[in-house]
Amino acid sequence: MSTIPIEAPPAKLSHWLIGVALAALAWFAAYSQLASFADWLVQALSLSRQTHFGEAVHFFLYDTPKVLLLLTGIVFVMGIVQTFFAPERTRALLSGKRVGVGNVLAATLGIVTPFCSCSAVPLFIGFLSAGVPLGVTFSFLISAPMVNEIALVLLFGLFGWKVAALYLGMGLLVAIVAGFVIGKLKMEKYLEDWVQKIQAGQLAPQLGETMGWVERFEAGWAHVRDIVGKVWPYILLGIGLGAAIHGYVPEDFLASFMGKDVWWAVPAAVVLGVPMYTNAAGIIPIVEALIGKGASLGTVLAFMMSVIALSAPEMIILRKALKPTLIATFAGVVATGILLVGYVFNAVL
């Protein structure tokens, strides 16, 4: 005998609608004032952004609430979306009927999302929770910080359309191929257990039931409590490390070997780029300074890619969702692609 779901009282639904509307307004207001808030707080602490320490503190005060706001908002929306689509259906949709179609779509999406590597992690986790295939999510995670409109416009302004176009093509190729390779390796078992349960739908609401909007909102909020509650300490740790490094970029030291015509210059640039952390807009001035000091373009761009696509803070945040084996595979595959980009640029330009 089938049971008919009981509709939630209208008052409860109205409470949720009002609460969500007010929360959305507060979210957008807070997100739009992050830079001003960080500026004010740095001044209140009697610090100057002209100093290494002041710049590092400003970076932490700006990026930490930004990433937490993004994570909360995206996870809430994905929690609601998950009540409409079973993970299996989403997986089938974004896997694509042809091999690699999902990777191409995800990498292309990354172009129009101007996220740094840590800011892209919330959407990466949201994709996983919605049942998007692992390799497809990695194509987005690589493309979003590395190939976006900010990086392309700045590269075009500094070096012309040929460099910008080649960077776009090579960056997309790295994101698509790396995601495809990771997907083919079938490494879902190296997701942390709580992510595997979400992907499998074990923590999702019973979609066979007719759900009202109150239940959908409750599912979204439960999603936030479960995921954000697990990830936020790693966000603080990761961005704290990135902020500490951000204020101390040794341009003269980097330029001293990036201009050398030796095979190991590109790998060394990639290795040195990983511990650092900034977004495309922040790294372009450093790229310009290094080029001005005689560094090779391909070597510098490989350094840039490793900074914004393979940052150590990103790895710390990802550690809560991915096991070390998967993180190491991700880093290895992407680093190989970045090395190829560096050598290609040095060879053709």
Protein backbone atom coordinates (compact mmCIF):
# COMPACT_ATOMS: atom_id res chain seq x y z
CA MET A 1 0.00 0.00 0.00
CA SER A 2 1.62 3.26 -1.12
CA THR A 3 1.91 6.21 1.22
CA ILE A 4 1.14 9.77 0.22
CA PRO A 5 3.79 12.24 1.38
CA ILE A 6 2.54 14.82 3.83
CA GLU A 7 2.84 18.37 2.55
CA ALA A 8 4.80 20.75 4.76
CA PRO A 9 2.77 23.55 6.38
CA PRO A 10 2.79 26.73 4.24
CA ALA A 11 4.22 28.68 7.18
CA LYS A 12 7.31 26.46 7.26
CA LEU A 13 7.86 26.90 3.53
CA SER A 14 7.49 30.67 3.83
CA HIS A 15 10.07 30.68 6.63
CA TRP A 16 12.51 28.84 4.40
CA LEU A 17 11.85 31.13 1.42
CA ILE A 18 12.39 34.25 3.52
CA GLY A 19 15.47 32.76 5.16
CA VAL A 20 17.04 31.70 1.85
CA ALA A 21 16.30 35.09 0.26
CA LEU A 22 17.87 36.97 3.18
CA ALA A 23 20.85 34.60 3.23
CA ALA A 24 21.38 35.11 -0.53
CA LEU A 25 21.31 38.90 -0.12
CA ALA A 26 23.76 38.66 2.79
CA TRP A 27 25.98 36.33 0.75
CA PHE A 28 26.20 38.69 -2.23
CA ALA A 29 26.70 41.72 0.01
CA ALA A 30 29.53 39.99 1.91
CA TYR A 31 31.17 38.67 -1.26
CA SER A 32 31.14 42.10 -2.92
CA GLN A 33 32.84 43.71 0.09
CA LEU A 34 35.61 41.17 0.69
CA ALA A 35 38.38 43.39 -0.67
CA SER A 36 37.16 46.42 1.29
CA PHE A 37 36.87 44.32 4.44
CA ALA A 38 40.42 43.01 4.07
CA ASP A 39 41.74 46.54 3.40
CA TRP A 40 39.95 47.90 6.47
CA LEU A 41 41.12 45.10 8.73
CA VAL A 42 44.74 45.45 7.62
CA GLN A 43 44.58 49.17 8.39
CA ALA A 44 42.91 48.45 11.75
CA LEU A 45 45.86 46.19 12.58
CA SER A 46 48.23 49.05 11.69
CA LEU A 47 49.80 47.04 8.88
CA SER A 48 50.86 48.14 5.40
CA ARG A 49 50.44 46.17 2.21
CA GLN A 50 53.78 47.57 1.12
CA THR A 51 55.44 45.14 3.56
CA HIS A 52 55.73 41.40 3.02
CA PHE A 53 53.88 40.62 6.24
CA GLY A 54 51.08 43.11 5.57
CA GLU A 55 50.51 41.71 2.08
CA ALA A 56 50.43 38.15 3.44
CA VAL A 57 47.87 39.11 6.11
CA HIS A 58 45.71 40.91 3.53
CA PHE A 59 45.82 37.86 1.27
CA PHE A 60 44.65 35.59 4.11
CA LEU A 61 41.87 37.96 5.20
CA TYR A 62 40.58 38.21 1.63
CA ASP A 63 40.88 34.63 0.42
CA THR A 64 39.64 32.78 3.51
CA PRO A 65 36.10 34.25 3.61
CA LYS A 66 35.96 34.15 -0.21
CA VAL A 67 36.59 30.41 -0.36
CA LEU A 68 34.28 29.68 2.59
CA LEU A 69 31.48 31.74 1.03
CA LEU A 70 31.92 29.98 -2.31
CA LEU A 71 31.97 26.56 -0.64
CA THR A 72 28.83 27.25 1.40
CA GLY A 73 26.84 28.70 -1.49
CA ILE A 74 27.83 26.09 -4.06
CA VAL A 75 27.34 23.14 -1.72
CA PHE A 76 23.87 24.40 -0.69
CA VAL A 77 22.79 24.73 -4.32
CA MET A 78 24.28 21.34 -5.23
CA GLY A 79 22.47 19.77 -2.28
CA ILE A 80 19.17 21.02 -3.68
CA VAL A 81 20.06 20.02 -7.25
CA GLN A 82 20.86 16.52 -6.02
CA THR A 83 17.24 16.09 -4.90
CA PHE A 84 16.16 16.38 -8.54
CA PHE A 85 18.82 14.23 -10.17
CA ALA A 86 20.17 10.91 -9.07
CA PRO A 87 23.98 10.70 -9.16
CA GLU A 88 23.77 8.03 -11.84
CA ARG A 89 21.79 10.34 -14.13
CA THR A 90 24.21 13.23 -13.69
CA ARG A 91 27.14 10.90 -14.26
CA ALA A 92 25.67 9.66 -17.52
CA LEU A 93 24.84 13.19 -18.67
CA LEU A 94 28.31 14.66 -18.14
CA SER A 95 30.28 11.59 -19.10
CA GLY A 96 29.20 12.24 -22.67
CA LYS A 97 28.28 9.64 -25.23
CA ARG A 98 31.66 10.02 -26.87
CA VAL A 99 34.93 9.58 -25.08
CA GLY A 100 36.18 12.83 -23.56
CA VAL A 101 33.11 14.99 -24.30
CA GLY A 102 32.51 15.62 -20.59
CA ASN A 103 36.17 16.61 -20.14
CA VAL A 104 35.93 19.12 -22.99
CA LEU A 105 32.74 20.63 -21.54
CA ALA A 106 34.23 20.88 -18.05
CA ALA A 107 37.50 22.40 -19.27
CA THR A 108 35.58 24.92 -21.37
CA LEU A 109 33.49 25.86 -18.33
CA GLY A 110 36.72 26.56 -16.50
CA ILE A 111 37.57 29.34 -18.96
CA VAL A 112 34.61 31.47 -17.81
CA THR A 113 35.08 30.85 -14.09
CA PRO A 114 37.84 33.21 -12.86
CA PHE A 115 38.79 31.14 -9.81
CA CYS A 116 42.18 30.59 -8.26
CA SER A 117 42.99 26.96 -7.48
CA CYS A 118 41.59 27.09 -3.93
CA SER A 119 38.43 28.91 -5.02
CA ALA A 120 37.81 26.23 -7.67
CA VAL A 121 37.87 23.47 -5.03
CA PRO A 122 34.33 24.23 -3.71
CA LEU A 123 32.83 23.76 -7.17
CA PHE A 124 35.00 20.66 -7.66
CA ILE A 125 33.55 19.16 -4.46
CA GLY A 126 30.07 20.25 -5.53
CA PHE A 127 30.48 18.45 -8.86
CA LEU A 128 31.62 15.29 -7.08
CA SER A 129 28.63 15.44 -4.72
CA ALA A 130 26.29 15.73 -7.71
CA GLY A 131 27.69 12.56 -9.25
CA VAL A 132 29.86 14.14 -11.95
CA PRO A 133 32.57 11.67 -13.07
CA LEU A 134 35.92 12.04 -11.33
CA GLY A 135 37.97 12.70 -14.47
CA VAL A 136 35.49 15.35 -15.66
CA THR A 137 35.68 17.20 -12.35
CA PHE A 138 39.48 17.22 -12.58
CA SER A 139 39.31 18.78 -16.06
CA PHE A 140 37.38 21.66 -14.50
CA LEU A 141 39.68 21.87 -11.47
CA ILE A 142 42.71 22.24 -13.76
CA SER A 143 41.15 24.58 -16.30
CA ALA A 144 39.40 27.03 -13.95
CA PRO A 145 42.51 28.58 -12.39
CA MET A 146 44.90 27.99 -15.28
CA VAL A 147 42.86 29.04 -18.34
CA ASN A 148 40.42 31.86 -17.65
CA GLU A 149 39.53 35.16 -19.26
CA ILE A 150 41.67 37.17 -16.83
CA ALA A 151 44.83 35.23 -17.69
CA LEU A 152 44.09 35.41 -21.42
CA VAL A 153 43.37 39.15 -21.47
CA LEU A 154 46.50 39.94 -19.46
CA LEU A 155 48.67 37.69 -21.63
CA PHE A 156 47.20 39.26 -24.76
CA GLY A 157 47.97 42.74 -23.46
CA LEU A 158 51.55 41.85 -22.51
CA PHE A 159 52.67 39.43 -25.21
CA GLY A 160 50.13 39.60 -28.07
CA TRP A 161 47.45 37.32 -29.45
CA LYS A 162 49.78 34.52 -30.57
CA VAL A 163 51.06 33.88 -27.05
CA ALA A 164 47.54 34.17 -25.59
CA ALA A 165 46.09 31.78 -28.19
CA LEU A 166 48.88 29.23 -27.76
CA TYR A 167 48.48 29.42 -23.98
CA LEU A 168 44.71 28.88 -24.35
CA GLY A 169 45.16 25.86 -26.59
CA MET A 170 47.90 24.24 -24.53
CA GLY A 171 46.14 24.97 -21.23
CA LEU A 172 42.89 23.40 -22.43
CA LEU A 173 44.81 20.43 -23.78
CA VAL A 174 46.45 19.87 -20.39
CA ALA A 175 43.09 20.10 -18.59
CA ILE A 176 41.25 17.81 -21.01
CA VAL A 177 43.95 15.16 -21.32
CA ALA A 178 44.82 15.14 -17.61
CA GLY A 179 41.16 14.75 -16.64
CA PHE A 180 40.69 12.05 -19.27
CA VAL A 181 43.72 10.10 -18.02
CA ILE A 182 42.59 10.33 -14.39
CA GLY A 183 39.12 9.17 -15.41
CA LYS A 184 40.50 6.20 -17.31
CA LEU A 185 42.59 5.16 -14.29
CA LYS A 186 39.31 4.52 -12.38
CA MET A 187 40.57 6.04 -9.14
CA GLU A 188 37.21 6.62 -7.42
CA LYS A 189 38.33 4.29 -4.63
CA TYR A 190 40.89 6.95 -3.68
CA LEU A 191 38.18 9.45 -2.82
CA GLU A 192 37.71 9.80 0.92
CA ASP A 193 34.93 7.58 2.27
CA TRP A 194 32.50 10.44 2.94
CA VAL A 195 32.85 11.64 -0.67
CA GLN A 196 32.31 8.12 -1.99
CA LYS A 197 29.09 7.87 0.03
CA ILE A 198 27.83 11.15 -1.38
CA GLN A 199 28.74 10.11 -4.93
CA ALA A 200 27.00 6.78 -4.46
CA GLY A 201 23.88 8.57 -3.25
CA GLN A 202 24.00 6.96 0.21
CA LEU A 203 23.74 10.35 1.91
CA ALA A 204 21.26 11.77 -0.55
CA PRO A 205 17.50 12.01 0.06
CA GLN A 206 15.29 9.24 -1.23
CA LEU A 207 14.47 10.45 -4.72
CA GLY A 208 11.71 7.91 -5.10
CA GLU A 209 9.59 10.00 -2.77
CA THR A 210 7.76 13.10 -3.83
CA MET A 211 9.68 15.88 -2.17
CA GLY A 212 8.44 19.33 -1.34
CA TRP A 213 10.61 22.45 -1.32
CA VAL A 214 10.96 22.36 2.45
CA GLU A 215 12.61 18.95 2.19
CA ARG A 216 14.82 20.17 -0.66
CA PHE A 217 15.98 23.19 1.35
CA GLU A 218 16.62 20.95 4.34
CA ALA A 219 18.66 18.61 2.12
CA GLY A 220 20.74 21.56 0.88
CA TRP A 221 21.41 22.75 4.42
CA ALA A 222 22.32 19.23 5.54
CA HIS A 223 24.77 19.13 2.61
CA VAL A 224 26.39 22.34 3.86
CA ARG A 225 26.71 21.05 7.43
CA ASP A 226 28.20 17.76 6.27
CA ILE A 227 30.72 19.05 3.70
CA VAL A 228 31.67 22.49 4.99
CA GLY A 229 31.94 21.08 8.49
CA LYS A 230 34.58 18.62 7.28
CA VAL A 231 36.54 20.88 4.94
CA TRP A 232 36.85 24.28 6.66
CA PRO A 233 39.94 23.50 8.83
CA TYR A 234 41.81 22.44 5.69
CA ILE A 235 40.79 25.68 3.99
CA LEU A 236 42.23 27.73 6.84
CA LEU A 237 45.46 25.71 6.83
CA GLY A 238 45.86 25.80 3.06
CA ILE A 239 45.20 29.50 2.62
CA GLY A 240 47.36 30.28 5.66
CA LEU A 241 50.28 28.55 3.95
CA GLY A 242 49.55 30.33 0.69
CA ALA A 243 49.36 33.71 2.40
CA ALA A 244 52.67 33.16 4.15
CA ILE A 245 54.37 32.39 0.84
CA HIS A 246 52.47 34.99 -1.19
CA GLY A 247 54.26 37.95 0.38
CA TYR A 248 57.74 36.60 -0.28
CA VAL A 249 58.08 35.84 -4.01
CA PRO A 250 61.84 35.77 -4.79
CA GLU A 251 61.76 37.26 -8.30
CA ASP A 252 65.51 37.82 -8.59
CA PHE A 253 66.31 34.26 -7.55
CA LEU A 254 63.74 32.82 -9.96
CA ALA A 255 64.98 34.92 -12.86
CA SER A 256 68.55 33.83 -12.19
CA PHE A 257 67.94 30.35 -13.60
CA MET A 258 64.76 30.75 -15.70
CA GLY A 259 66.80 32.49 -18.38
CA LYS A 260 69.29 29.66 -18.67
CA ASP A 261 69.16 27.54 -21.79
CA VAL A 262 69.35 24.19 -19.98
CA TRP A 263 66.90 21.30 -19.98
CA TRP A 264 66.31 21.39 -16.23
CA ALA A 265 65.12 25.02 -16.13
CA VAL A 266 61.49 24.10 -16.91
CA PRO A 267 61.22 21.26 -14.31
CA ALA A 268 62.89 23.48 -11.71
CA ALA A 269 60.38 26.27 -12.45
CA VAL A 270 57.48 23.85 -11.99
CA VAL A 271 58.86 22.51 -8.71
CA LEU A 272 59.41 26.02 -7.35
CA GLY A 273 55.94 27.13 -8.46
CA VAL A 274 54.04 24.45 -6.53
CA PRO A 275 54.62 25.85 -3.00
CA MET A 276 53.46 29.30 -4.06
CA TYR A 277 49.87 30.43 -4.31
CA THR A 278 48.08 33.21 -6.16
CA ASN A 279 45.57 33.62 -8.97
CA ALA A 280 46.15 34.52 -12.62
CA ALA A 281 45.81 38.26 -12.01
CA GLY A 282 48.34 38.06 -9.19
CA ILE A 283 50.94 36.00 -11.04
CA ILE A 284 50.92 37.91 -14.36
CA PRO A 285 52.89 40.90 -12.94
CA ILE A 286 55.48 38.43 -11.67
CA VAL A 287 55.60 36.81 -15.11
CA GLU A 288 56.15 40.24 -16.68
CA ALA A 289 58.93 41.04 -14.20
CA LEU A 290 60.68 37.72 -14.84
CA ILE A 291 60.46 38.17 -18.61
CA GLY A 292 61.89 41.67 -18.20
CA LYS A 293 64.86 40.18 -16.36
CA GLY A 294 65.65 37.83 -19.23
CA ALA A 295 63.77 34.66 -18.27
CA SER A 296 62.58 32.37 -21.08
CA LEU A 297 58.86 32.68 -21.88
CA GLY A 298 58.14 28.94 -21.85
CA THR A 299 59.94 28.45 -18.54
CA VAL A 300 58.09 31.37 -16.96
CA LEU A 301 54.70 30.19 -18.25
CA ALA A 302 55.39 26.69 -16.87
CA PHE A 303 56.15 28.35 -13.54
CA MET A 304 52.91 30.35 -13.81
CA MET A 305 50.84 27.24 -14.57
CA SER A 306 52.28 25.33 -11.62
CA VAL A 307 51.57 28.24 -9.27
CA ILE A 308 47.91 28.57 -10.24
CA ALA A 309 47.06 24.92 -11.03
CA LEU A 310 49.23 22.91 -8.61
CA SER A 311 49.51 25.08 -5.51
CA ALA A 312 50.40 23.48 -2.17
CA PRO A 313 47.42 25.18 -0.44
CA GLU A 314 45.10 23.58 -3.01
CA MET A 315 46.59 20.16 -2.20
CA ILE A 316 45.99 20.70 1.52
CA ILE A 317 42.32 21.55 0.94
CA LEU A 318 41.88 18.65 -1.49
CA ARG A 319 43.34 16.26 1.07
CA LYS A 320 40.06 16.28 3.00
CA ALA A 321 38.25 14.92 -0.06
CA LEU A 322 40.99 12.91 -1.82
CA LYS A 323 43.39 10.26 -0.61
CA PRO A 324 47.14 10.85 -1.07
CA THR A 325 47.40 8.41 -3.98
CA LEU A 326 44.83 10.37 -6.00
CA ILE A 327 46.41 13.72 -5.11
CA ALA A 328 49.82 12.42 -6.19
CA THR A 329 48.37 11.10 -9.46
CA PHE A 330 46.64 14.43 -10.13
CA ALA A 331 49.84 16.36 -9.44
CA GLY A 332 51.96 14.02 -11.56
CA VAL A 333 49.67 14.04 -14.59
CA VAL A 334 49.21 17.82 -14.53
CA ALA A 335 52.93 18.47 -13.95
CA THR A 336 53.75 16.34 -16.99
CA GLY A 337 51.38 18.42 -19.10
CA ILE A 338 52.84 21.67 -17.78
CA LEU A 339 56.38 20.51 -18.58
CA LEU A 340 55.26 19.84 -22.14
CA VAL A 341 53.78 23.34 -22.39
CA GLY A 342 57.04 24.90 -21.17
CA TYR A 343 59.18 23.02 -23.64
CA VAL A 344 56.77 23.75 -26.54
CA PHE A 345 56.77 27.48 -25.82
CA ASN A 346 60.55 27.57 -25.56
CA ALA A 347 60.85 25.68 -28.85
CA VAL A 348 58.41 27.70 -30.98
CA LEU A 349 58.80 31.23 -29.54
